[in-house]
Amino acid sequence: MSIDVREYVRCCQVCQLYKPQTRKPPGKLQQTVVHGPWEMLGVDLTGPFPRSSSGNLYLIVFVDYYTRWVEMFPLRKATAEVVSQILTKEILTRWGVPTFILSDQGPQFVSAVFGETCKRWNLQQKRTSPYHPQTNLTERVNRNVKAMIASYVEEKHKAWDKYLPEFRFALNSAVHESTGVTPAELNLCRPLKGPLDVELKPHLCDPDTSAYTTAKQIAEFQKMVNGNMEKARQRQKINYDKGRRDVYFSEKDRVWIKAHPYSRADKSYMAKLAPRWKGPYRVIRQVGPLNFEVVLEETGENIRVVNVAQIKPCFPTAEEMDRKQHQRILKIFEEESDEEDFVGFPA
């Protein structure tokens, strides 16, 4: 009876759809490794903010994955046309064309207009999986920018775009933990001189020392930065993986996908009381270390790519269902074979 009860609870669809998970989240850290400045560019939109005196509502942020150099621009409209113009005029024609550009799956970045801009500049697009923004380094920068804005606007929230140039200067002139140097030193081969530096008139370091780089020392400088970044990646992965676990899925596995419902007051529908998961889905294939392509089991529709953190196993499993189906078929044949053969009517 204990085995039967355990199996019944494990396969209960209501429990699987509504009960929260108490285990460690699945999916250990997968790091993006770049080998030079402006090899990969991250981009993200944030907002809407309160409409400022300049009429701005949104903020677009670009981050170079290697140097951590940040560019940010306030926008009145967050359309694909505006985003494409900013990318062309302020990034590609100023800093050159990266190999890759990584964004989320916002409508501005999956549009034909943005895709045509990337194609025209021979820029390869990469996108994060739905509901998993951690893949994009720009999300981390956005958190710092929002904290900066909140620290300065106080009660005047319409002035959120007033100090953006100063925030950009601060981010690009601060020593980054991963690289050990400032984004400006790595991107421009020199530190950004601030107002305090001009006032104190500091003595320049000897160009022959490893503390200060010039154009002649850029190769050694990048070698030092690569070593710092490798140490930082190892440290970050160890700390991140402490709270994660490995999960593996194979082709045709049955899984649930995490639901993200919205409350609807007009429908008397509350998100907190809605199912936490939806499906079941079937795994089609693995498209990355942590991403899987899945399809709705009942209809074979709604094909999508999801991160492993957004899926969990569905019970009974595909193997268990196939085994039960096989047993049912065998039972039917056995029942039919037990029946007496018809020998005809008596003479």
Protein backbone atom coordinates (compact mmCIF):
# COMPACT_ATOMS: atom_id res chain seq x y z
CA MET A 1 0.00 0.00 0.00
CA SER A 2 2.88 2.36 0.78
CA ILE A 3 4.29 1.91 -2.73
CA ASP A 4 0.88 2.50 -4.32
CA VAL A 5 0.25 5.67 -2.27
CA ARG A 6 3.69 7.05 -3.10
CA GLU A 7 3.17 6.39 -6.80
CA TYR A 8 -0.33 7.94 -6.73
CA VAL A 9 0.96 11.14 -5.09
CA ARG A 10 3.96 11.33 -7.42
CA CYS A 11 1.73 11.16 -10.50
CA CYS A 12 -1.00 13.47 -9.18
CA GLN A 13 -1.43 16.20 -11.81
CA VAL A 14 -3.02 18.69 -9.39
CA CYS A 15 0.00 18.43 -7.07
CA GLN A 16 2.41 18.82 -9.97
CA LEU A 17 0.61 21.91 -11.26
CA TYR A 18 0.07 23.78 -8.00
CA LYS A 19 2.61 22.78 -5.36
CA PRO A 20 5.86 24.81 -5.13
CA GLN A 21 9.27 23.20 -5.52
CA THR A 22 11.48 23.12 -2.43
CA ARG A 23 14.61 21.73 -4.06
CA LYS A 24 17.53 23.74 -5.42
CA PRO A 25 16.74 25.41 -8.77
CA PRO A 26 18.01 23.39 -11.75
CA GLY A 27 20.75 24.52 -14.10
CA LYS A 28 24.29 25.34 -13.06
CA LEU A 29 26.14 28.40 -14.34
CA GLN A 30 26.95 28.50 -18.05
CA GLN A 31 29.45 31.26 -18.74
CA THR A 32 29.87 33.34 -21.87
CA VAL A 33 33.55 33.49 -22.83
CA VAL A 34 34.73 36.31 -25.11
CA HIS A 35 38.27 36.83 -26.34
CA GLY A 36 38.48 40.50 -27.27
CA PRO A 37 36.81 43.93 -27.11
CA TRP A 38 33.49 44.30 -28.91
CA GLU A 39 33.19 40.63 -29.78
CA MET A 40 29.76 40.37 -28.11
CA LEU A 41 27.40 43.22 -27.32
CA GLY A 42 24.46 43.02 -24.91
CA VAL A 43 21.41 45.25 -25.28
CA ASP A 44 18.29 45.72 -23.19
CA LEU A 45 15.39 48.14 -22.79
CA THR A 46 14.06 49.22 -19.42
CA GLY A 47 10.98 51.25 -18.61
CA PRO A 48 8.58 52.84 -18.99
CA PHE A 49 9.67 55.49 -16.49
CA PRO A 50 7.62 58.59 -15.68
CA ARG A 51 7.70 60.91 -18.70
CA SER A 52 10.60 63.31 -18.12
CA SER A 53 10.73 67.01 -18.98
CA SER A 54 12.50 65.95 -22.20
CA GLY A 55 9.67 63.59 -23.05
CA ASN A 56 11.67 60.41 -22.45
CA LEU A 57 9.99 57.22 -21.25
CA TYR A 58 12.50 54.42 -21.84
CA LEU A 59 16.19 53.71 -21.42
CA ILE A 60 18.25 51.52 -23.75
CA VAL A 61 21.53 50.12 -22.43
CA PHE A 62 24.42 48.54 -24.36
CA VAL A 63 27.27 46.61 -22.70
CA ASP A 64 30.42 45.19 -24.24
CA TYR A 65 30.97 41.72 -22.74
CA TYR A 66 34.76 41.94 -22.75
CA THR A 67 35.56 45.47 -21.58
CA ARG A 68 32.24 46.04 -19.68
CA TRP A 69 32.00 49.41 -21.46
CA VAL A 70 28.47 50.84 -21.05
CA GLU A 71 26.46 53.06 -23.36
CA MET A 72 22.95 54.25 -22.45
CA PHE A 73 20.42 56.47 -24.19
CA PRO A 74 16.99 57.76 -23.08
CA LEU A 75 14.19 57.22 -25.59
CA ARG A 76 10.79 58.79 -26.17
CA LYS A 77 9.53 55.70 -27.98
CA ALA A 78 10.75 52.11 -27.70
CA THR A 79 10.00 51.00 -31.25
CA ALA A 80 12.09 48.74 -33.47
CA GLU A 81 12.86 51.69 -35.76
CA VAL A 82 14.18 53.84 -32.90
CA VAL A 83 16.24 50.99 -31.45
CA SER A 84 17.75 50.25 -34.88
CA GLN A 85 18.65 53.92 -35.38
CA ILE A 86 20.38 54.11 -32.00
CA LEU A 87 22.29 50.91 -32.70
CA THR A 88 23.50 52.22 -36.06
CA LYS A 89 24.26 55.85 -35.21
CA GLU A 90 25.60 55.52 -31.67
CA ILE A 91 27.19 52.05 -31.55
CA LEU A 92 28.10 50.49 -34.90
CA THR A 93 29.40 53.66 -36.56
CA ARG A 94 31.28 54.72 -33.43
CA TRP A 95 32.73 51.53 -31.95
CA GLY A 96 32.60 49.20 -34.92
CA VAL A 97 30.61 46.04 -35.62
CA PRO A 98 30.65 43.29 -32.97
CA THR A 99 30.43 39.65 -33.97
CA PHE A 100 27.31 39.00 -31.88
CA ILE A 101 24.54 41.01 -30.26
CA LEU A 102 22.53 39.44 -27.41
CA SER A 103 19.04 40.60 -26.46
CA ASP A 104 15.88 39.27 -24.91
CA GLN A 105 12.84 38.32 -26.99
CA GLY A 106 11.20 41.72 -26.79
CA PRO A 107 9.18 42.77 -29.86
CA GLN A 108 11.77 45.42 -30.75
CA PHE A 109 14.54 42.83 -31.07
CA VAL A 110 12.61 40.07 -32.87
CA SER A 111 11.11 42.47 -35.41
CA ALA A 112 11.94 42.40 -39.10
CA VAL A 113 13.30 45.96 -38.89
CA PHE A 114 15.90 45.12 -36.25
CA GLY A 115 16.75 41.86 -38.02
CA GLU A 116 17.31 43.71 -41.28
CA THR A 117 19.64 46.19 -39.55
CA CYS A 118 21.71 43.35 -38.09
CA LYS A 119 21.80 41.60 -41.46
CA ARG A 120 22.91 44.78 -43.24
CA TRP A 121 25.80 45.23 -40.81
CA ASN A 122 26.66 41.50 -40.75
CA LEU A 123 25.83 41.33 -37.04
CA GLN A 124 24.74 37.92 -35.73
CA GLN A 125 21.76 37.94 -33.36
CA LYS A 126 21.49 35.88 -30.18
CA ARG A 127 18.48 35.84 -27.86
CA THR A 128 17.86 34.74 -24.30
CA SER A 129 15.27 32.08 -23.55
CA PRO A 130 11.88 33.33 -22.25
CA TYR A 131 11.67 34.29 -18.57
CA HIS A 132 15.40 33.78 -18.10
CA PRO A 133 17.02 37.24 -18.39
CA GLN A 134 20.12 36.23 -16.40
CA THR A 135 21.76 35.25 -19.67
CA ASN A 136 22.10 38.91 -20.65
CA LEU A 137 24.88 40.84 -18.87
CA THR A 138 22.94 44.05 -19.51
CA GLU A 139 20.38 43.00 -16.90
CA ARG A 140 23.07 43.27 -14.22
CA VAL A 141 24.05 46.74 -15.44
CA ASN A 142 20.39 47.80 -15.41
CA ARG A 143 20.22 46.97 -11.72
CA ASN A 144 23.14 49.30 -11.01
CA VAL A 145 21.70 52.05 -13.19
CA LYS A 146 18.29 51.88 -11.49
CA ALA A 147 19.97 52.10 -8.09
CA MET A 148 21.90 55.18 -9.26
CA ILE A 149 18.75 56.82 -10.61
CA ALA A 150 16.82 56.10 -7.42
CA SER A 151 19.64 57.55 -5.30
CA TYR A 152 19.56 60.89 -7.11
CA VAL A 153 15.96 61.60 -8.12
CA GLU A 154 14.54 61.34 -4.56
CA GLU A 155 10.90 62.43 -4.93
CA LYS A 156 11.37 63.99 -8.39
CA HIS A 157 10.85 60.85 -10.45
CA LYS A 158 10.38 62.80 -13.67
CA ALA A 159 14.07 63.75 -13.50
CA TRP A 160 15.23 60.14 -13.94
CA ASP A 161 17.15 60.98 -17.15
CA LYS A 162 18.92 64.07 -15.81
CA TYR A 163 22.16 62.44 -14.65
CA LEU A 164 22.52 59.59 -17.15
CA PRO A 165 25.80 60.95 -18.64
CA GLU A 166 27.33 61.11 -15.14
CA PHE A 167 26.16 57.57 -14.38
CA ARG A 168 27.73 56.33 -17.61
CA PHE A 169 31.01 58.06 -16.71
CA ALA A 170 30.98 56.45 -13.26
CA LEU A 171 30.35 52.96 -14.65
CA ASN A 172 33.07 53.24 -17.29
CA SER A 173 35.67 54.65 -14.90
CA ALA A 174 35.14 52.21 -12.01
CA VAL A 175 37.42 49.19 -11.56
CA HIS A 176 35.52 46.02 -12.47
CA GLU A 177 35.90 42.99 -10.24
CA SER A 178 36.14 40.51 -13.12
CA THR A 179 38.79 42.33 -15.16
CA GLY A 180 40.70 44.11 -12.41
CA VAL A 181 40.74 47.35 -14.43
CA THR A 182 38.24 49.97 -15.55
CA PRO A 183 36.23 49.55 -18.76
CA ALA A 184 37.86 52.71 -20.08
CA GLU A 185 41.38 51.34 -19.65
CA LEU A 186 40.46 48.15 -21.45
CA ASN A 187 38.45 49.87 -24.20
CA LEU A 188 40.50 53.07 -24.72
CA CYS A 189 43.90 51.95 -23.38
CA ARG A 190 43.80 54.82 -20.89
CA PRO A 191 41.85 55.71 -17.76
CA LEU A 192 39.16 58.37 -17.85
CA LYS A 193 40.42 61.52 -16.15
CA GLY A 194 37.87 62.88 -13.69
CA PRO A 195 37.52 66.30 -12.05
CA LEU A 196 39.36 65.14 -8.94
CA ASP A 197 42.28 63.88 -11.03
CA VAL A 198 42.62 67.30 -12.67
CA GLU A 199 42.53 69.04 -9.30
CA LEU A 200 45.15 66.82 -7.69
CA LYS A 201 47.30 66.62 -10.86
CA PRO A 202 48.54 63.09 -10.20
CA HIS A 203 51.85 61.87 -11.56
CA LEU A 204 51.56 59.44 -14.41
CA CYS A 205 52.84 55.95 -13.87
CA ASP A 206 55.88 54.76 -15.75
CA PRO A 207 54.65 53.33 -19.09
CA ASP A 208 57.01 50.39 -18.63
CA THR A 209 55.22 49.15 -15.49
CA SER A 210 52.31 46.74 -15.57
CA ALA A 211 50.13 49.20 -13.65
CA TYR A 212 49.69 51.49 -16.64
CA THR A 213 49.23 50.50 -20.23
CA THR A 214 49.96 52.15 -23.52
CA ALA A 215 49.26 51.13 -27.06
CA LYS A 216 52.57 49.27 -27.18
CA GLN A 217 51.63 47.19 -24.15
CA ILE A 218 48.09 46.29 -25.18
CA ALA A 219 48.91 42.61 -25.79
CA GLU A 220 50.41 42.17 -22.31
CA PHE A 221 47.56 44.18 -20.82
CA GLN A 222 44.92 41.94 -22.41
CA LYS A 223 46.82 38.88 -21.22
CA MET A 224 46.66 40.17 -17.66
CA VAL A 225 42.95 40.95 -18.02
CA ASN A 226 42.23 37.50 -19.46
CA GLY A 227 43.88 35.95 -16.40
CA ASN A 228 41.79 38.12 -14.08
CA MET A 229 38.61 37.26 -15.97
CA GLU A 230 39.35 33.53 -15.84
CA LYS A 231 39.84 33.68 -12.07
CA ALA A 232 36.64 35.70 -11.73
CA ARG A 233 34.70 33.19 -13.86
CA GLN A 234 35.89 30.29 -11.73
CA ARG A 235 34.96 32.11 -8.52
CA GLN A 236 31.54 33.11 -9.87
CA LYS A 237 30.76 29.59 -11.06
CA ILE A 238 31.67 28.02 -7.72
CA ASN A 239 29.47 30.49 -5.82
CA TYR A 240 26.58 30.21 -8.29
CA ASP A 241 26.57 26.42 -8.50
CA LYS A 242 26.31 26.05 -4.72
CA GLY A 243 22.60 26.81 -4.98
CA ARG A 244 21.93 24.87 -8.19
CA ARG A 245 21.60 21.26 -9.27
CA ASP A 246 22.11 19.32 -12.48
CA VAL A 247 19.01 18.23 -14.39
CA TYR A 248 18.98 16.18 -17.59
CA PHE A 249 16.18 15.62 -20.08
CA SER A 250 16.12 13.32 -23.08
CA GLU A 251 14.12 13.30 -26.29
CA LYS A 252 10.38 12.59 -25.79
CA ASP A 253 10.56 13.19 -22.01
CA ARG A 254 7.34 14.57 -20.49
CA VAL A 255 7.79 17.93 -18.72
CA TRP A 256 5.82 20.78 -17.19
CA ILE A 257 6.61 24.41 -18.14
CA LYS A 258 6.47 27.13 -15.53
CA ALA A 259 3.37 29.30 -15.97
CA HIS A 260 3.44 33.09 -15.64
CA PRO A 261 -0.23 34.07 -15.28
CA TYR A 262 -1.51 37.61 -14.81
CA SER A 263 -4.32 38.64 -12.50
CA ARG A 264 -7.50 39.83 -14.20
CA ALA A 265 -9.83 41.77 -11.95
CA ASP A 266 -12.52 41.95 -14.65
CA LYS A 267 -12.51 38.15 -14.86
CA SER A 268 -12.21 37.63 -11.07
CA TYR A 269 -8.97 35.78 -11.79
CA MET A 270 -6.08 35.89 -9.33
CA ALA A 271 -2.59 34.87 -10.44
CA LYS A 272 -1.63 33.57 -6.99
CA LEU A 273 -4.41 30.96 -7.19
CA ALA A 274 -3.62 29.90 -10.75
CA PRO A 275 -1.58 26.80 -11.65
CA ARG A 276 2.17 27.29 -11.28
CA TRP A 277 2.89 24.98 -14.24
CA LYS A 278 1.29 24.16 -17.58
CA GLY A 279 1.47 21.29 -20.04
CA PRO A 280 2.43 18.55 -20.22
CA TYR A 281 4.99 19.12 -22.99
CA ARG A 282 7.35 16.73 -24.75
CA VAL A 283 11.06 17.42 -25.20
CA ILE A 284 12.00 17.55 -28.89
CA ARG A 285 15.72 18.16 -28.57
CA GLN A 286 18.38 19.94 -26.54
CA VAL A 287 19.48 23.18 -28.22
CA GLY A 288 22.08 24.30 -25.68
CA PRO A 289 23.66 23.37 -22.36
CA LEU A 290 20.54 24.53 -20.50
CA ASN A 291 17.93 25.09 -23.22
CA PHE A 292 15.43 22.59 -24.59
CA GLU A 293 12.95 22.73 -27.45
CA VAL A 294 9.56 21.42 -26.35
CA VAL A 295 6.11 20.92 -27.87
CA LEU A 296 2.64 20.58 -26.35
CA GLU A 297 1.90 16.89 -25.88
CA GLU A 298 -1.82 16.90 -26.70
CA THR A 299 -1.77 18.89 -29.95
CA GLY A 300 1.85 18.89 -31.12
CA GLU A 301 1.65 22.71 -31.29
CA ASN A 302 3.20 25.60 -29.36
CA ILE A 303 6.83 24.69 -30.09
CA ARG A 304 9.16 26.80 -27.95
CA VAL A 305 12.66 26.93 -26.48
CA VAL A 306 12.80 27.09 -22.67
CA ASN A 307 15.54 27.20 -20.08
CA VAL A 308 15.95 24.23 -17.76
CA ALA A 309 15.02 26.48 -14.82
CA GLN A 310 11.55 26.86 -16.35
CA ILE A 311 10.76 23.13 -16.69
CA LYS A 312 10.38 20.12 -14.40
CA PRO A 313 9.68 16.40 -14.96
CA CYS A 314 6.10 15.29 -15.50
CA PHE A 315 4.82 12.06 -13.95
CA PRO A 316 4.07 9.47 -15.07
CA THR A 317 7.11 9.60 -17.34
CA ALA A 318 7.06 8.72 -21.02
CA GLU A 319 8.62 5.33 -20.30
CA GLU A 320 6.03 4.56 -17.62
CA MET A 321 3.18 5.54 -19.93
CA ASP A 322 4.56 3.39 -22.75
CA ARG A 323 4.98 0.47 -20.36
CA LYS A 324 1.40 0.81 -19.05
CA GLN A 325 0.06 1.10 -22.58
CA HIS A 326 1.99 -2.02 -23.57
CA GLN A 327 0.58 -3.89 -20.58
CA ARG A 328 -2.98 -2.84 -21.46
CA ILE A 329 -2.55 -4.10 -25.03
CA LEU A 330 -1.17 -7.42 -23.80
CA LYS A 331 -4.05 -7.75 -21.37
CA ILE A 332 -6.57 -7.21 -24.17
CA PHE A 333 -4.98 -9.92 -26.28
CA GLU A 334 -4.87 -12.30 -23.32
CA GLU A 335 -8.55 -11.70 -22.59
CA GLU A 336 -9.47 -12.35 -26.21
CA SER A 337 -7.40 -15.55 -26.33
CA ASP A 338 -9.21 -16.92 -23.25
CA GLU A 339 -12.58 -16.84 -24.97
CA GLU A 340 -13.84 -20.12 -26.47
CA ASP A 341 -13.66 -20.36 -30.21
CA PHE A 342 -17.02 -20.33 -32.04
CA VAL A 343 -17.62 -23.79 -33.47
CA GLY A 344 -20.91 -23.08 -35.21
CA PHE A 345 -24.55 -24.01 -34.51
CA PRO A 346 -25.42 -27.56 -33.46
CA ALA A 347 -26.73 -29.76 -36.23
